[in-house]
Amino acid sequence: MIRRIAIYAFLVAMLAGCREEEVIFIPEEVEIAQPEYTSVRGMYVLNEGNMGSNKATLDYYNFQTSRYTRNVFAFANPNVPKEMGDVGNDLGIYGSKLYAVINCSNKVDVMDKNTVKKIGQINIPNCRYIKFYEGYAYVTSYAGEVVINPDYEQIGYVAKVDTATLQVVNRCNVGFQPDELDIVNGKIYVANSGGYMVPNYENTISVIDIESFKEEARIPIAINLQGCRADRRGVLWIFSRGDYYNNQSMLFAYDTRHERLLKSFDCRVSNMWLDGDSLYVIGVQFSYVTMKNEVTYAVINTETLQVVSECFITDGTEKDIVLPYGVAVNPITKDIFVTDAKDYVSPGHLYCFDAAGKLKWDVRTGDIPGHFAFLGETTYDY
């Protein structure tokens, strides 16, 4: 494994506004593997940063040069604060733009997808996840302040954003604390968590008609929903985080065409990635009853609804991962990427496994790496 590290220091002049001190940005570039020449040129990794720390950062791996560069946003944008803000919650590419949802900073940073130069900013309070469809970005918002309250009164909404003007043009109210969303056959499906309302969690999926942009139904699934991904047959894969006591995290397959629950899976889920007919599931379920973590690395065939692998890491190196947090699959090579949040306050780690589940390389990241976007000639919109 190649481990040649080149560190570059870039001195930046005094910044405008309140940032009057001289700031030195030190992005780090690491050569880690053999070059790959496919239609996927690179991969962005959004590091969340611990809540309240203002440490969200963006890393980039160039498959063609095999170089991993940490904190690329800081170098590309020397005239803005060197960190992106408080909690990087989602990442996506649409057209020529890269979108980073920065949750507690109440914004979506919009960048050129090739240079990472900041183009603009969409202001949305307590924004969570983003999805794109026919010239618009749809962003979930908790709407209210960050506070745990079983009697929380502020419902959430989905913002509709014109990707040409970067303006919010409409919004649709949904349930409490909406998280991930996906779009199937002219409908937006939104996972309502009610995560601030412990122990009175939400348990529904909101259904929005995309043409009228009105909520037309709420479908009960399970408490504290977070994940929501649609496969090519119109089956919605939804996971619940449970309540960390007696209600465990679970995965559900819901048929949007026939409006019925197909199957539930008794596996712990905290993140997932859909690649063709394969759903890669990772999970860390902490129980306040046993005071232990239960970890999952599973693959589910979305056509047969069967678990085809209980652990997609096959060489035993999963023992080196402390807290699996993010997962992605290269759509061309089928390499599997897993991030490790470690202790949530120090730099994390990114592991690359080949399609057979054997470790190819690993590298240090920013704090709490969790979200991916592949850069290529084709839009890989996940």
Protein backbone atom coordinates (compact mmCIF):
# COMPACT_ATOMS: atom_id res chain seq x y z
CA MET A 1 0.00 0.00 0.00
CA ILE A 2 1.39 3.37 -1.01
CA ARG A 3 1.53 5.88 1.83
CA ARG A 4 3.30 8.90 0.39
CA ILE A 5 2.04 11.99 2.15
CA ALA A 6 2.53 15.48 0.77
CA ILE A 7 1.46 18.38 2.96
CA TYR A 8 1.00 21.79 1.40
CA ALA A 9 0.68 25.03 3.39
CA PHE A 10 -1.19 27.89 1.80
CA LEU A 11 -0.97 31.28 3.48
CA VAL A 12 -4.20 33.24 3.09
CA ALA A 13 -4.43 37.03 3.42
CA MET A 14 -6.61 38.74 6.00
CA LEU A 15 -10.24 37.88 5.47
CA ALA A 16 -13.19 40.24 5.34
CA GLY A 17 -15.71 40.77 8.11
CA CYS A 18 -15.06 39.36 11.58
CA ARG A 19 -12.27 37.04 10.39
CA GLU A 20 -9.46 39.59 10.75
CA GLU A 21 -6.72 37.21 11.80
CA GLU A 22 -4.38 35.48 9.37
CA VAL A 23 -5.48 31.93 8.70
CA ILE A 24 -3.32 29.14 7.30
CA PHE A 25 -5.11 26.36 5.48
CA ILE A 26 -3.27 23.06 5.35
CA PRO A 27 -5.05 20.58 3.09
CA GLU A 28 -3.39 17.19 3.11
CA GLU A 29 -2.94 15.00 0.06
CA VAL A 30 -2.32 11.28 0.38
CA GLU A 31 -1.50 8.82 -2.38
CA ILE A 32 -3.15 5.56 -1.37
CA ALA A 33 -3.79 3.14 -4.24
CA GLN A 34 -3.39 2.36 -7.92
CA PRO A 35 -5.07 4.72 -10.43
CA GLU A 36 -8.44 3.72 -11.88
CA TYR A 37 -9.66 4.98 -15.24
CA THR A 38 -13.44 4.65 -15.47
CA SER A 39 -16.36 7.03 -15.95
CA VAL A 40 -16.24 7.66 -12.20
CA ARG A 41 -13.44 10.19 -11.83
CA GLY A 42 -13.67 10.96 -8.15
CA MET A 43 -15.59 10.75 -4.91
CA TYR A 44 -16.48 13.46 -2.40
CA VAL A 45 -16.75 12.60 1.30
CA LEU A 46 -18.63 14.98 3.60
CA ASN A 47 -17.41 14.90 7.20
CA GLU A 48 -20.16 15.92 9.59
CA GLY A 49 -18.10 17.32 12.47
CA ASN A 50 -19.48 17.03 15.98
CA MET A 51 -22.60 19.13 16.69
CA GLY A 52 -21.66 22.57 17.98
CA SER A 53 -18.05 22.30 16.83
CA ASN A 54 -18.40 24.06 13.43
CA LYS A 55 -16.13 21.40 11.87
CA ALA A 56 -17.95 20.08 8.81
CA THR A 57 -15.36 19.53 6.07
CA LEU A 58 -15.20 18.09 2.57
CA ASP A 59 -12.64 15.53 1.32
CA TYR A 60 -12.04 14.31 -2.23
CA TYR A 61 -10.61 11.10 -3.65
CA ASN A 62 -9.36 11.23 -7.25
CA PHE A 63 -9.57 7.72 -8.70
CA GLN A 64 -7.38 8.63 -11.68
CA THR A 65 -4.45 9.93 -9.62
CA SER A 66 -5.18 7.76 -6.55
CA ARG A 67 -4.87 10.83 -4.33
CA TYR A 68 -7.07 11.52 -1.31
CA THR A 69 -7.22 15.22 -0.33
CA ARG A 70 -8.62 16.36 2.98
CA ASN A 71 -10.47 19.65 3.47
CA VAL A 72 -10.73 20.63 -0.20
CA PHE A 73 -13.44 23.22 0.48
CA ALA A 74 -11.04 25.32 2.57
CA PHE A 75 -8.43 25.51 -0.19
CA ALA A 76 -10.95 26.18 -2.97
CA ASN A 77 -12.67 28.96 -0.99
CA PRO A 78 -10.02 30.96 0.90
CA ASN A 79 -12.33 33.95 1.40
CA VAL A 80 -14.95 32.07 3.40
CA PRO A 81 -14.59 30.40 6.82
CA LYS A 82 -12.29 27.40 6.45
CA GLU A 83 -14.85 24.99 7.91
CA MET A 84 -18.22 24.56 6.22
CA GLY A 85 -20.31 24.94 9.36
CA ASP A 86 -22.13 22.94 11.99
CA VAL A 87 -22.93 19.33 11.00
CA GLY A 88 -22.63 18.24 7.36
CA ASN A 89 -25.76 16.16 6.97
CA ASP A 90 -26.08 15.25 3.28
CA LEU A 91 -24.31 15.56 -0.05
CA GLY A 92 -25.42 15.34 -3.67
CA ILE A 93 -24.48 16.24 -7.25
CA TYR A 94 -27.03 17.57 -9.73
CA GLY A 95 -26.04 18.97 -13.10
CA SER A 96 -22.87 21.02 -12.70
CA LYS A 97 -23.35 21.66 -9.00
CA LEU A 98 -22.37 19.96 -5.73
CA TYR A 99 -24.76 20.47 -2.81
CA ALA A 100 -23.78 20.08 0.86
CA VAL A 101 -26.56 20.22 3.46
CA ILE A 102 -25.21 21.82 6.64
CA ASN A 103 -27.83 21.06 9.26
CA CYS A 104 -27.40 23.34 12.30
CA SER A 105 -25.91 26.14 10.19
CA ASN A 106 -29.31 26.28 8.46
CA LYS A 107 -27.93 26.26 4.93
CA VAL A 108 -27.16 24.28 1.82
CA ASP A 109 -23.77 25.20 0.35
CA VAL A 110 -23.77 25.06 -3.46
CA MET A 111 -20.45 24.52 -5.24
CA ASP A 112 -19.08 23.86 -8.69
CA LYS A 113 -18.85 20.07 -8.79
CA ASN A 114 -15.38 20.09 -10.39
CA THR A 115 -13.62 22.95 -8.59
CA VAL A 116 -15.58 23.06 -5.28
CA LYS A 117 -15.77 26.84 -5.64
CA LYS A 118 -18.78 28.07 -3.72
CA ILE A 119 -21.49 29.37 -6.08
CA GLY A 120 -24.22 30.20 -3.63
CA GLN A 121 -26.13 29.29 -0.53
CA ILE A 122 -29.71 28.18 0.13
CA ASN A 123 -30.97 29.21 3.57
CA ILE A 124 -33.24 26.55 5.08
CA PRO A 125 -33.65 26.19 8.86
CA ASN A 126 -32.49 22.92 10.41
CA CYS A 127 -32.13 21.33 6.96
CA ARG A 128 -31.53 17.59 6.77
CA TYR A 129 -31.52 15.74 3.41
CA ILE A 130 -31.68 16.59 -0.28
CA LYS A 131 -33.06 14.94 -3.43
CA PHE A 132 -33.29 16.18 -7.03
CA TYR A 133 -35.95 15.89 -9.71
CA GLU A 134 -36.52 17.72 -13.02
CA GLY A 135 -34.73 20.96 -12.23
CA TYR A 136 -35.61 21.16 -8.55
CA ALA A 137 -33.96 20.21 -5.30
CA TYR A 138 -36.18 18.97 -2.48
CA VAL A 139 -34.80 19.50 1.03
CA THR A 140 -36.27 18.28 4.30
CA SER A 141 -36.33 20.70 7.22
CA TYR A 142 -37.01 20.19 10.91
CA ALA A 143 -38.06 23.89 10.79
CA GLY A 144 -37.73 24.45 14.55
CA GLU A 145 -34.92 24.76 17.05
CA VAL A 146 -32.74 21.90 18.26
CA VAL A 147 -34.37 20.83 21.52
CA ILE A 148 -35.67 17.58 23.00
CA ASN A 149 -39.31 18.08 23.96
CA PRO A 150 -42.05 15.40 23.96
CA ASP A 151 -44.56 18.21 23.32
CA TYR A 152 -42.65 19.74 20.41
CA GLU A 153 -45.11 21.79 18.35
CA GLN A 154 -43.19 22.78 15.21
CA ILE A 155 -43.90 20.40 12.34
CA GLY A 156 -41.33 19.98 9.58
CA TYR A 157 -41.54 20.61 5.87
CA VAL A 158 -39.99 19.90 2.49
CA ALA A 159 -38.57 22.92 0.65
CA LYS A 160 -38.72 23.05 -3.15
CA VAL A 161 -35.66 24.81 -4.58
CA ASP A 162 -35.14 26.00 -8.16
CA THR A 163 -31.65 24.70 -9.03
CA ALA A 164 -31.17 27.47 -11.62
CA THR A 165 -31.82 30.39 -9.26
CA LEU A 166 -31.09 28.60 -5.93
CA GLN A 167 -34.28 30.11 -4.54
CA VAL A 168 -36.88 28.34 -2.39
CA VAL A 169 -40.05 28.51 -4.49
CA ASN A 170 -42.45 26.47 -2.36
CA ARG A 171 -42.72 24.32 0.72
CA CYS A 172 -44.95 21.50 1.90
CA ASN A 173 -45.62 20.70 5.56
CA VAL A 174 -45.11 17.08 6.62
CA GLY A 175 -44.64 15.36 9.99
CA PHE A 176 -42.31 16.11 12.87
CA GLN A 177 -38.55 16.11 12.17
CA PRO A 178 -38.53 14.76 8.60
CA ASP A 179 -35.32 13.05 7.52
CA GLU A 180 -34.53 11.22 4.27
CA LEU A 181 -36.75 11.42 1.23
CA ASP A 182 -36.99 9.82 -2.20
CA ILE A 183 -39.09 10.25 -5.32
CA VAL A 184 -41.10 7.50 -7.03
CA ASN A 185 -43.67 7.79 -9.85
CA GLY A 186 -44.52 11.43 -9.25
CA LYS A 187 -44.62 11.13 -5.46
CA ILE A 188 -42.16 12.31 -2.79
CA TYR A 189 -41.87 9.96 0.17
CA VAL A 190 -40.54 11.47 3.40
CA ALA A 191 -39.45 9.62 6.54
CA ASN A 192 -40.80 11.46 9.59
CA SER A 193 -38.70 10.71 12.69
CA GLY A 194 -40.11 12.80 15.52
CA GLY A 195 -36.57 12.52 16.86
CA TYR A 196 -36.89 15.58 19.10
CA MET A 197 -40.06 14.24 20.72
CA VAL A 198 -38.63 11.43 22.85
CA PRO A 199 -40.46 9.25 23.81
CA ASN A 200 -43.33 10.38 21.54
CA TYR A 201 -41.66 9.57 18.24
CA GLU A 202 -43.33 9.95 14.86
CA ASN A 203 -44.03 6.71 12.97
CA THR A 204 -45.11 7.77 9.46
CA ILE A 205 -44.00 8.29 5.88
CA SER A 206 -45.45 11.43 4.31
CA VAL A 207 -46.55 11.18 0.67
CA ILE A 208 -46.38 14.39 -1.39
CA ASP A 209 -47.83 14.73 -4.87
CA ILE A 210 -44.94 16.32 -6.75
CA GLU A 211 -47.11 18.19 -9.27
CA SER A 212 -49.40 19.90 -6.76
CA PHE A 213 -46.73 19.82 -4.04
CA LYS A 214 -49.32 18.91 -1.43
CA GLU A 215 -49.15 16.19 1.21
CA GLU A 216 -51.77 13.61 0.33
CA ALA A 217 -51.20 10.86 2.88
CA ARG A 218 -49.22 9.66 5.89
CA ILE A 219 -48.42 5.97 6.10
CA PRO A 220 -47.67 4.38 9.50
CA ILE A 221 -44.50 2.25 9.38
CA ALA A 222 -42.53 2.31 12.67
CA ILE A 223 -41.22 4.81 15.20
CA ASN A 224 -38.27 7.13 14.62
CA LEU A 225 -37.86 6.65 10.87
CA GLN A 226 -34.73 7.97 9.16
CA GLY A 227 -33.69 6.21 5.94
CA CYS A 228 -35.81 6.22 2.79
CA ARG A 229 -34.54 4.86 -0.57
CA ALA A 230 -36.52 3.66 -3.58
CA ASP A 231 -35.35 0.79 -5.80
CA ARG A 232 -36.09 0.49 -9.52
CA ARG A 233 -39.28 -1.52 -8.92
CA GLY A 234 -40.81 1.24 -6.82
CA VAL A 235 -40.16 -0.49 -3.51
CA LEU A 236 -39.27 1.94 -0.76
CA TRP A 237 -36.59 0.78 1.67
CA ILE A 238 -37.13 2.47 5.02
CA PHE A 239 -35.35 2.07 8.30
CA SER A 240 -36.30 2.92 11.84
CA ARG A 241 -33.75 3.85 14.49
CA GLY A 242 -36.00 2.51 17.27
CA ASP A 243 -35.90 4.01 20.75
CA TYR A 244 -32.56 2.54 21.96
CA TYR A 245 -34.39 0.63 24.68
CA ASN A 246 -37.00 -2.01 23.82
CA ASN A 247 -37.79 -1.04 20.22
CA GLN A 248 -34.82 -1.98 18.07
CA SER A 249 -33.78 -0.53 14.74
CA MET A 250 -35.41 -2.35 11.81
CA LEU A 251 -35.61 -2.27 8.01
CA PHE A 252 -38.84 -2.31 5.98
CA ALA A 253 -39.71 -2.86 2.30
CA TYR A 254 -42.82 -0.93 1.24
CA ASP A 255 -44.40 -1.38 -2.20
CA THR A 256 -45.42 2.11 -3.37
CA ARG A 257 -47.34 0.81 -6.39
CA HIS A 258 -49.64 -1.46 -4.39
CA GLU A 259 -49.40 0.57 -1.17
CA ARG A 260 -48.51 -2.33 1.08
CA LEU A 261 -45.70 -3.44 3.35
CA LEU A 262 -43.85 -6.34 1.74
CA LYS A 263 -41.45 -7.38 4.44
CA SER A 264 -39.65 -6.30 7.61
CA PHE A 265 -36.07 -7.23 8.48
CA ASP A 266 -34.86 -7.67 12.04
CA CYS A 267 -31.46 -6.06 11.44
CA ARG A 268 -29.82 -2.99 12.90
CA VAL A 269 -29.56 -0.13 10.41
CA SER A 270 -27.99 3.30 10.71
CA ASN A 271 -27.11 3.84 7.06
CA MET A 272 -27.56 2.14 3.68
CA TRP A 273 -26.60 2.39 0.00
CA LEU A 274 -28.53 1.04 -2.96
CA ASP A 275 -26.51 -0.31 -5.90
CA GLY A 276 -28.66 -1.96 -8.55
CA ASP A 277 -30.52 -4.78 -6.83
CA SER A 278 -28.17 -4.82 -3.84
CA LEU A 279 -28.90 -2.86 -0.69
CA TYR A 280 -25.79 -2.48 1.46
CA VAL A 281 -26.73 -1.99 5.10
CA ILE A 282 -24.54 -0.95 7.99
CA GLY A 283 -25.74 -0.46 11.52
CA VAL A 284 -24.61 0.36 15.02
CA GLN A 285 -27.45 -0.10 17.46
CA PHE A 286 -26.69 0.98 21.01
CA SER A 287 -28.95 -0.37 23.72
CA TYR A 288 -29.39 1.38 27.05
CA VAL A 289 -30.58 -1.98 28.36
CA THR A 290 -27.45 -4.01 27.54
CA MET A 291 -25.13 -0.96 27.28
CA LYS A 292 -23.57 -2.53 24.17
CA ASN A 293 -23.46 -1.90 20.43
CA GLU A 294 -24.84 -4.40 17.90
CA VAL A 295 -23.10 -3.98 14.52
CA THR A 296 -24.41 -4.92 11.05
CA TYR A 297 -22.73 -5.27 7.62
CA ALA A 298 -25.44 -6.89 5.49
CA VAL A 299 -26.43 -7.10 1.83
CA ILE A 300 -30.07 -7.57 0.80
CA ASN A 301 -31.26 -8.53 -2.67
CA THR A 302 -34.05 -6.04 -3.36
CA GLU A 303 -35.65 -8.25 -6.02
CA THR A 304 -35.91 -11.42 -3.94
CA LEU A 305 -36.20 -9.59 -0.58
CA GLN A 306 -33.59 -11.96 0.84
CA VAL A 307 -30.49 -11.28 2.93
CA VAL A 308 -27.64 -12.55 0.75
CA SER A 309 -24.79 -11.67 3.09
CA GLU A 310 -24.65 -11.28 6.84
CA CYS A 311 -21.27 -9.52 6.56
CA PHE A 312 -19.97 -8.08 3.29
CA ILE A 313 -16.48 -7.66 4.79
CA THR A 314 -14.91 -11.07 4.28
CA ASP A 315 -11.30 -10.76 5.44
CA GLY A 316 -11.91 -10.07 9.12
CA THR A 317 -10.87 -6.41 8.96
CA GLU A 318 -14.26 -5.28 10.25
CA LYS A 319 -12.72 -5.74 13.70
CA ASP A 320 -10.62 -2.62 13.02
CA ILE A 321 -13.71 -0.44 12.53
CA VAL A 322 -14.89 1.11 15.77
CA LEU A 323 -18.19 2.74 14.71
CA PRO A 324 -19.26 2.15 11.09
CA TYR A 325 -21.07 5.29 10.01
CA GLY A 326 -21.28 5.76 6.24
CA VAL A 327 -21.41 3.34 3.32
CA ALA A 328 -21.19 3.69 -0.47
CA VAL A 329 -20.52 1.50 -3.52
CA ASN A 330 -18.63 2.58 -6.64
CA PRO A 331 -21.22 2.06 -9.42
CA ILE A 332 -18.53 0.90 -11.88
CA THR A 333 -15.92 -1.10 -9.94
CA LYS A 334 -18.33 -2.18 -7.15
CA ASP A 335 -15.72 -1.35 -4.53
CA ILE A 336 -17.37 -0.84 -1.13
CA PHE A 337 -16.56 2.17 1.04
CA VAL A 338 -17.20 2.21 4.79
CA THR A 339 -16.45 5.12 7.09
CA ASP A 340 -15.56 4.89 10.77
CA ALA A 341 -16.70 7.71 13.08
CA LYS A 342 -14.49 6.36 15.90
CA ASP A 343 -15.29 8.51 18.99
CA TYR A 344 -17.26 11.24 17.14
CA VAL A 345 -14.80 13.99 18.15
CA SER A 346 -11.51 13.06 16.46
CA PRO A 347 -10.62 12.35 12.79
CA GLY A 348 -12.43 9.40 11.31
CA HIS A 349 -11.34 6.78 8.79
CA LEU A 350 -12.36 5.58 5.34
CA TYR A 351 -11.97 1.91 4.30
CA CYS A 352 -12.14 0.65 0.73
CA PHE A 353 -13.05 -3.01 0.12
CA ASP A 354 -13.18 -4.74 -3.23
CA ALA A 355 -16.40 -6.35 -4.47
CA ALA A 356 -15.42 -9.57 -2.69
CA GLY A 357 -15.16 -7.74 0.65
CA LYS A 358 -11.38 -7.68 1.00
CA LEU A 359 -9.59 -4.54 2.18
CA LYS A 360 -7.81 -2.57 -0.59
CA TRP A 361 -6.79 0.57 1.29
CA ASP A 362 -7.73 2.90 4.13
CA VAL A 363 -7.13 6.56 4.94
CA ARG A 364 -7.74 9.15 7.64
CA THR A 365 -10.62 11.59 7.04
CA GLY A 366 -12.16 14.57 8.79
CA ASP A 367 -14.38 14.20 11.85
CA ILE A 368 -17.38 11.87 11.45
CA PRO A 369 -17.22 10.99 7.74
CA GLY A 370 -20.69 9.99 6.63
CA HIS A 371 -21.84 11.09 3.17
CA PHE A 372 -20.68 10.41 -0.38
CA ALA A 373 -21.11 11.75 -3.91
CA PHE A 374 -19.44 10.18 -6.97
CA LEU A 375 -18.16 12.52 -9.66
CA GLY A 376 -18.25 11.41 -13.29
CA GLU A 377 -19.59 12.04 -16.75
CA THR A 378 -22.82 10.34 -15.69
CA THR A 379 -24.88 11.58 -12.77
CA TYR A 380 -24.74 8.98 -10.00
CA ASP A 381 -27.61 10.31 -7.93
CA TYR A 382 -28.07 8.37 -4.71
